[in-house]
Amino acid sequence: MLTKAAVTLAAAIAVLGPCDPTGIKPPEGSIAGTWGGENAGLIADDTSAHVHIGCTYGNISQEIVPDAWGRFDVPGQQNITAHPVDLGVMHPARFSGRVVGGSMTLTVALTDTAVTLGPVQLAYGKEPRMGPCPICRRTGAMK
């Protein structure tokens, strides 16, 4: 038998939804915008995305659309030798993760090597904090 406090807590969780520390959420069904974290960032629009994890960068040539549970897994390319001298080698990669409200967990797995970057935590609407590595800040830089 449920106590009154347990019923009240369950009702509050149902109304408020999952914990979202940012309080800022992307548009429904989209992840378009800037997502930032510690030494990681993602800039997305409705046709592509650009990713930085540490001193690496990658590109996704399609819209990222999470499923009903917030999960996504899309192909792209990642350059793991971008800094301090960009060798221009783009590796095929899978970009996967989960979005819950304004929070994203992102992992990049190169498919031609055993290299995996992440998982990293990103928050919607926050500027990436990249430390010594540069980051592209314009959507036009994704192409």
Protein backbone atom coordinates (compact mmCIF):
# COMPACT_ATOMS: atom_id res chain seq x y z
CA MET A 1 0.00 0.00 0.00
CA LEU A 2 1.40 3.36 -1.01
CA THR A 3 1.71 6.13 1.53
CA LYS A 4 0.45 9.64 0.80
CA ALA A 5 4.06 10.89 0.58
CA ALA A 6 4.98 8.21 -2.01
CA VAL A 7 1.93 9.09 -4.13
CA THR A 8 2.80 12.81 -3.91
CA LEU A 9 6.42 12.12 -4.92
CA ALA A 10 5.35 9.97 -7.87
CA ALA A 11 2.93 12.68 -9.03
CA ALA A 12 5.64 15.35 -8.77
CA ILE A 13 8.08 13.25 -10.81
CA ALA A 14 5.43 12.64 -13.48
CA VAL A 15 4.68 16.38 -13.75
CA LEU A 16 8.24 17.67 -13.57
CA GLY A 17 9.84 14.96 -15.71
CA PRO A 18 13.47 13.82 -15.54
CA CYS A 19 16.05 15.86 -13.70
CA ASP A 20 17.46 18.57 -15.99
CA PRO A 21 20.09 20.71 -14.26
CA THR A 22 20.29 23.26 -17.11
CA GLY A 23 16.66 24.29 -17.12
CA ILE A 24 17.09 25.05 -20.85
CA LYS A 25 15.78 22.59 -23.39
CA PRO A 26 16.17 22.33 -27.17
CA PRO A 27 13.08 22.60 -29.39
CA GLU A 28 10.88 19.50 -29.22
CA GLY A 29 12.23 16.71 -31.48
CA SER A 30 15.39 18.63 -32.37
CA ILE A 31 18.89 19.10 -31.00
CA ALA A 32 19.64 22.15 -33.17
CA GLY A 33 21.80 24.69 -31.37
CA THR A 34 24.99 24.85 -29.35
CA TRP A 35 25.79 22.20 -26.74
CA GLY A 36 28.79 22.76 -24.46
CA GLY A 37 30.76 20.95 -21.81
CA GLU A 38 34.29 20.57 -20.45
CA ASN A 39 36.61 20.17 -23.46
CA ALA A 40 33.64 19.19 -25.63
CA GLY A 41 31.04 20.83 -27.81
CA LEU A 42 28.47 20.16 -30.50
CA ILE A 43 26.98 22.70 -32.91
CA ALA A 44 23.96 21.36 -34.80
CA ASP A 45 21.33 22.53 -37.25
CA ASP A 46 18.61 20.72 -39.19
CA THR A 47 21.03 19.33 -41.80
CA SER A 48 24.35 18.66 -40.05
CA ALA A 49 26.44 18.87 -36.89
CA HIS A 50 30.02 19.71 -35.95
CA VAL A 51 31.62 18.08 -32.88
CA HIS A 52 34.71 18.84 -30.79
CA ILE A 53 36.03 16.54 -28.09
CA GLY A 54 39.36 17.70 -26.75
CA CYS A 55 41.64 18.65 -29.63
CA THR A 56 39.66 16.62 -32.18
CA TYR A 57 36.78 17.55 -34.45
CA GLY A 58 34.15 15.78 -36.46
CA ASN A 59 31.30 16.31 -38.87
CA ILE A 60 27.90 14.72 -39.27
CA SER A 61 26.19 15.27 -42.64
CA GLN A 62 22.61 14.75 -41.52
CA GLU A 63 20.18 15.96 -38.91
CA ILE A 64 20.47 14.21 -35.54
CA VAL A 65 16.99 13.05 -34.53
CA PRO A 66 16.73 11.27 -31.17
CA ASP A 67 14.25 8.40 -30.83
CA ALA A 68 11.39 8.36 -28.31
CA TRP A 69 13.86 7.58 -25.49
CA GLY A 70 16.28 10.36 -26.51
CA ARG A 71 18.84 8.00 -28.05
CA PHE A 72 20.67 8.62 -31.31
CA ASP A 73 23.35 6.89 -33.39
CA VAL A 74 24.47 8.53 -36.63
CA PRO A 75 27.45 8.17 -38.99
CA GLY A 76 30.03 10.86 -39.59
CA GLN A 77 33.75 11.53 -39.68
CA GLN A 78 36.19 12.48 -36.90
CA ASN A 79 39.71 13.93 -37.11
CA ILE A 80 41.75 12.82 -34.08
CA THR A 81 44.98 14.52 -35.22
CA ALA A 82 43.65 18.08 -35.48
CA HIS A 83 45.88 19.91 -33.01
CA PRO A 84 48.53 21.29 -32.85
CA VAL A 85 49.05 20.44 -36.55
CA ASP A 86 45.97 19.28 -38.45
CA LEU A 87 47.00 16.29 -40.57
CA GLY A 88 43.60 16.33 -42.29
CA VAL A 89 42.88 12.63 -41.72
CA MET A 90 39.14 12.07 -41.31
CA HIS A 91 38.14 8.67 -39.89
CA PRO A 92 34.68 7.13 -40.36
CA ALA A 93 32.89 7.26 -37.01
CA ARG A 94 29.61 6.65 -35.18
CA PHE A 95 28.22 9.47 -33.04
CA SER A 96 25.91 8.06 -30.39
CA GLY A 97 24.33 9.21 -27.20
CA ARG A 98 21.23 10.25 -25.37
CA VAL A 99 19.41 13.52 -24.83
CA VAL A 100 17.35 14.10 -21.69
CA GLY A 101 15.89 17.60 -21.57
CA GLY A 102 18.80 19.99 -21.98
CA SER A 103 21.51 17.41 -21.22
CA MET A 104 23.32 15.19 -23.71
CA THR A 105 25.73 12.30 -23.30
CA LEU A 106 27.87 11.87 -26.45
CA THR A 107 30.33 9.19 -27.53
CA VAL A 108 32.32 9.11 -30.78
CA ALA A 109 33.62 5.69 -31.89
CA LEU A 110 35.94 5.52 -34.90
CA THR A 111 34.93 2.57 -37.06
CA ASP A 112 38.32 1.99 -38.69
CA THR A 113 40.33 1.89 -35.43
CA ALA A 114 39.69 1.04 -31.79
CA VAL A 115 39.59 4.74 -30.77
CA THR A 116 36.60 5.93 -28.75
CA LEU A 117 36.14 9.49 -27.51
CA GLY A 118 33.89 10.08 -24.53
CA PRO A 119 31.39 9.73 -23.24
CA VAL A 120 31.20 13.47 -22.61
CA GLN A 121 28.42 15.46 -20.99
CA LEU A 122 27.01 18.47 -22.85
CA ALA A 123 24.39 21.07 -21.89
CA TYR A 124 22.11 22.81 -24.38
CA GLY A 125 22.71 26.52 -24.82
CA LYS A 126 26.09 26.49 -23.04
CA GLU A 127 29.36 27.56 -24.66
CA PRO A 128 31.91 24.73 -24.86
CA ARG A 129 34.93 25.18 -22.54
CA MET A 130 37.73 23.91 -24.73
CA GLY A 131 40.84 24.76 -22.73
CA PRO A 132 43.87 25.08 -25.03
CA CYS A 133 42.12 23.66 -28.11
CA PRO A 134 40.23 25.88 -30.57
CA ILE A 135 36.59 25.34 -31.50
CA CYS A 136 34.56 26.44 -34.52
CA ARG A 137 31.87 28.86 -33.37
CA ARG A 138 29.96 29.46 -36.61
CA THR A 139 27.45 27.05 -38.13
CA GLY A 140 29.00 27.77 -41.55
CA ALA A 141 32.22 26.19 -40.30
CA MET A 142 30.47 22.78 -40.31
CA LYS A 143 30.60 22.33 -44.07
